[in-house]
Amino acid sequence: MSPQKGSPQMLKITLTRSPIGTPRSHRILLRGLGLRRIRHTVVRPDTAQVKGLIHKLSYMVSVEKAQ
């Protein structure tokens, strides 16, 4: 099954660790993704920008493909 042209793949991003004690810049990045509290899940497109945020926050979030 190949992805349809024009519709990007989606990622399900879940905050798994508390941002307390993390650098302020990481907390700002979490807000940019729309994550507010532990176990909060958002769906975002699979773009280079989102992947960069996920890479920087990899110790705090879990990621899976959205259906």
N, C-alpha and C. Protein backbone atom coordinates (compact mmCIF):
# COMPACT_ATOMS: atom_id res chain seq x y z
N MET A 1 0.84 -1.17 0.00
CA MET A 1 0.00 0.00 0.00
C MET A 1 0.89 1.24 0.00
N SER A 2 0.86 1.99 -1.08
CA SER A 2 1.69 3.19 -1.16
C SER A 2 0.90 4.41 -0.70
N PRO A 3 1.60 5.42 -0.18
CA PRO A 3 0.89 6.61 0.28
C PRO A 3 0.26 7.34 -0.90
N GLN A 4 -0.89 7.93 -0.67
CA GLN A 4 -1.57 8.66 -1.72
C GLN A 4 -0.86 9.97 -1.97
N LYS A 5 -0.84 10.37 -3.22
CA LYS A 5 -0.18 11.62 -3.57
C LYS A 5 -0.98 12.78 -3.00
N GLY A 6 -0.28 13.72 -2.37
CA GLY A 6 -0.95 14.90 -1.84
C GLY A 6 -1.39 14.78 -0.39
N SER A 7 -1.43 13.56 0.15
CA SER A 7 -1.81 13.43 1.56
C SER A 7 -0.62 12.86 2.33
N PRO A 8 0.02 13.68 3.18
CA PRO A 8 1.21 13.21 3.89
C PRO A 8 0.87 12.15 4.93
N GLN A 9 1.85 11.31 5.22
CA GLN A 9 1.69 10.34 6.30
C GLN A 9 1.54 11.10 7.61
N MET A 10 0.86 10.50 8.56
CA MET A 10 0.64 11.16 9.84
C MET A 10 1.34 10.37 10.95
N LEU A 11 1.81 11.09 11.96
CA LEU A 11 2.47 10.49 13.12
C LEU A 11 1.67 10.79 14.37
N LYS A 12 1.57 9.80 15.24
CA LYS A 12 0.92 9.96 16.54
C LYS A 12 2.03 10.16 17.57
N ILE A 13 2.07 11.33 18.19
CA ILE A 13 3.14 11.69 19.13
C ILE A 13 2.54 11.79 20.52
N THR A 14 3.13 11.08 21.49
CA THR A 14 2.64 11.06 22.86
C THR A 14 3.74 11.50 23.81
N LEU A 15 3.41 12.42 24.72
CA LEU A 15 4.35 12.86 25.75
C LEU A 15 4.40 11.79 26.83
N THR A 16 5.59 11.22 27.07
CA THR A 16 5.72 10.12 28.03
C THR A 16 6.45 10.51 29.31
N ARG A 17 7.18 11.62 29.30
CA ARG A 17 7.91 12.06 30.49
C ARG A 17 7.57 13.51 30.79
N SER A 18 7.69 13.87 32.05
CA SER A 18 7.40 15.23 32.48
C SER A 18 8.47 16.19 31.97
N PRO A 19 8.06 17.37 31.51
CA PRO A 19 9.05 18.36 31.07
C PRO A 19 9.69 19.13 32.23
N ILE A 20 9.30 18.84 33.47
CA ILE A 20 9.91 19.51 34.62
C ILE A 20 11.39 19.13 34.68
N GLY A 21 12.23 20.11 34.81
CA GLY A 21 13.66 19.87 34.90
C GLY A 21 14.36 19.80 33.56
N THR A 22 13.64 20.00 32.48
CA THR A 22 14.25 20.00 31.15
C THR A 22 14.58 21.43 30.75
N PRO A 23 15.44 21.61 29.75
CA PRO A 23 15.75 22.97 29.30
C PRO A 23 14.50 23.69 28.81
N ARG A 24 14.48 24.98 29.02
CA ARG A 24 13.33 25.80 28.62
C ARG A 24 13.04 25.65 27.12
N SER A 25 14.09 25.55 26.32
CA SER A 25 13.89 25.42 24.88
C SER A 25 13.13 24.14 24.53
N HIS A 26 13.34 23.07 25.29
CA HIS A 26 12.61 21.83 25.04
C HIS A 26 11.14 21.97 25.42
N ARG A 27 10.85 22.70 26.47
CA ARG A 27 9.45 22.94 26.85
C ARG A 27 8.75 23.77 25.77
N ILE A 28 9.46 24.71 25.18
CA ILE A 28 8.89 25.52 24.10
C ILE A 28 8.61 24.64 22.88
N LEU A 29 9.51 23.71 22.58
CA LEU A 29 9.30 22.80 21.46
C LEU A 29 8.09 21.90 21.69
N LEU A 30 7.89 21.46 22.94
CA LEU A 30 6.71 20.65 23.26
C LEU A 30 5.44 21.43 22.97
N ARG A 31 5.41 22.69 23.36
CA ARG A 31 4.23 23.53 23.10
C ARG A 31 4.03 23.70 21.59
N GLY A 32 5.13 23.79 20.86
CA GLY A 32 5.03 23.90 19.41
C GLY A 32 4.39 22.68 18.78
N LEU A 33 4.65 21.52 19.35
CA LEU A 33 4.01 20.30 18.87
C LEU A 33 2.57 20.19 19.35
N GLY A 34 2.22 20.96 20.38
CA GLY A 34 0.86 20.92 20.91
C GLY A 34 0.70 19.97 22.08
N LEU A 35 1.81 19.52 22.66
CA LEU A 35 1.76 18.60 23.80
C LEU A 35 1.72 19.40 25.09
N ARG A 36 0.75 19.08 25.95
CA ARG A 36 0.55 19.86 27.16
C ARG A 36 0.81 19.09 28.44
N ARG A 37 0.51 17.81 28.48
CA ARG A 37 0.63 17.04 29.72
C ARG A 37 1.03 15.60 29.40
N ILE A 38 1.44 14.86 30.41
CA ILE A 38 1.87 13.48 30.22
C ILE A 38 0.70 12.66 29.69
N ARG A 39 1.00 11.77 28.76
CA ARG A 39 0.04 10.90 28.06
C ARG A 39 -0.88 11.67 27.12
N HIS A 40 -0.58 12.92 26.84
CA HIS A 40 -1.33 13.70 25.85
C HIS A 40 -0.80 13.30 24.48
N THR A 41 -1.71 13.01 23.54
CA THR A 41 -1.33 12.55 22.21
C THR A 41 -1.85 13.53 21.16
N VAL A 42 -1.00 13.82 20.18
CA VAL A 42 -1.38 14.66 19.05
C VAL A 42 -1.01 13.93 17.77
N VAL A 43 -1.68 14.29 16.69
CA VAL A 43 -1.39 13.72 15.37
C VAL A 43 -0.83 14.85 14.51
N ARG A 44 0.35 14.63 13.96
CA ARG A 44 1.02 15.64 13.15
C ARG A 44 1.49 15.00 11.84
N PRO A 45 1.63 15.80 10.77
CA PRO A 45 2.12 15.26 9.50
C PRO A 45 3.58 14.83 9.61
N ASP A 46 3.95 13.85 8.82
CA ASP A 46 5.31 13.31 8.82
C ASP A 46 6.18 14.17 7.91
N THR A 47 6.61 15.33 8.43
CA THR A 47 7.45 16.26 7.66
C THR A 47 8.83 16.34 8.30
N ALA A 48 9.75 16.95 7.59
CA ALA A 48 11.12 17.10 8.10
C ALA A 48 11.13 17.95 9.37
N GLN A 49 10.30 18.98 9.42
CA GLN A 49 10.27 19.86 10.59
C GLN A 49 9.79 19.10 11.83
N VAL A 50 8.74 18.33 11.68
CA VAL A 50 8.21 17.56 12.81
C VAL A 50 9.20 16.49 13.23
N LYS A 51 9.86 15.84 12.26
CA LYS A 51 10.85 14.82 12.60
C LYS A 51 12.02 15.43 13.37
N GLY A 52 12.40 16.67 13.04
CA GLY A 52 13.46 17.35 13.77
C GLY A 52 13.08 17.60 15.21
N LEU A 53 11.83 18.03 15.43
CA LEU A 53 11.35 18.25 16.80
C LEU A 53 11.33 16.94 17.57
N ILE A 54 10.86 15.88 16.92
CA ILE A 54 10.80 14.57 17.57
C ILE A 54 12.20 14.09 17.93
N HIS A 55 13.16 14.31 17.04
CA HIS A 55 14.53 13.88 17.31
C HIS A 55 15.09 14.60 18.53
N LYS A 56 14.83 15.89 18.64
CA LYS A 56 15.34 16.67 19.76
C LYS A 56 14.67 16.26 21.08
N LEU A 57 13.40 15.84 21.01
CA LEU A 57 12.63 15.49 22.21
C LEU A 57 12.47 13.98 22.37
N SER A 58 13.32 13.20 21.72
CA SER A 58 13.13 11.75 21.68
C SER A 58 13.12 11.10 23.06
N TYR A 59 13.76 11.72 24.04
CA TYR A 59 13.80 11.15 25.39
C TYR A 59 12.50 11.40 26.16
N MET A 60 11.60 12.21 25.60
CA MET A 60 10.35 12.56 26.30
C MET A 60 9.09 12.11 25.57
N VAL A 61 9.20 11.73 24.30
CA VAL A 61 8.01 11.40 23.52
C VAL A 61 8.14 10.00 22.92
N SER A 62 6.98 9.42 22.61
CA SER A 62 6.94 8.18 21.84
C SER A 62 6.17 8.47 20.56
N VAL A 63 6.56 7.80 19.48
CA VAL A 63 6.00 8.09 18.17
C VAL A 63 5.57 6.79 17.51
N GLU A 64 4.42 6.84 16.85
CA GLU A 64 3.96 5.72 16.04
C GLU A 64 3.20 6.26 14.85
N LYS A 65 3.07 5.44 13.82
CA LYS A 65 2.32 5.85 12.62
C LYS A 65 0.84 5.92 12.95
N ALA A 66 0.18 6.95 12.46
CA ALA A 66 -1.27 7.07 12.65
C ALA A 66 -1.97 6.40 11.48
N GLN A 67 -3.11 5.83 11.74
CA GLN A 67 -3.87 5.15 10.68
C GLN A 67 -4.75 6.10 9.93
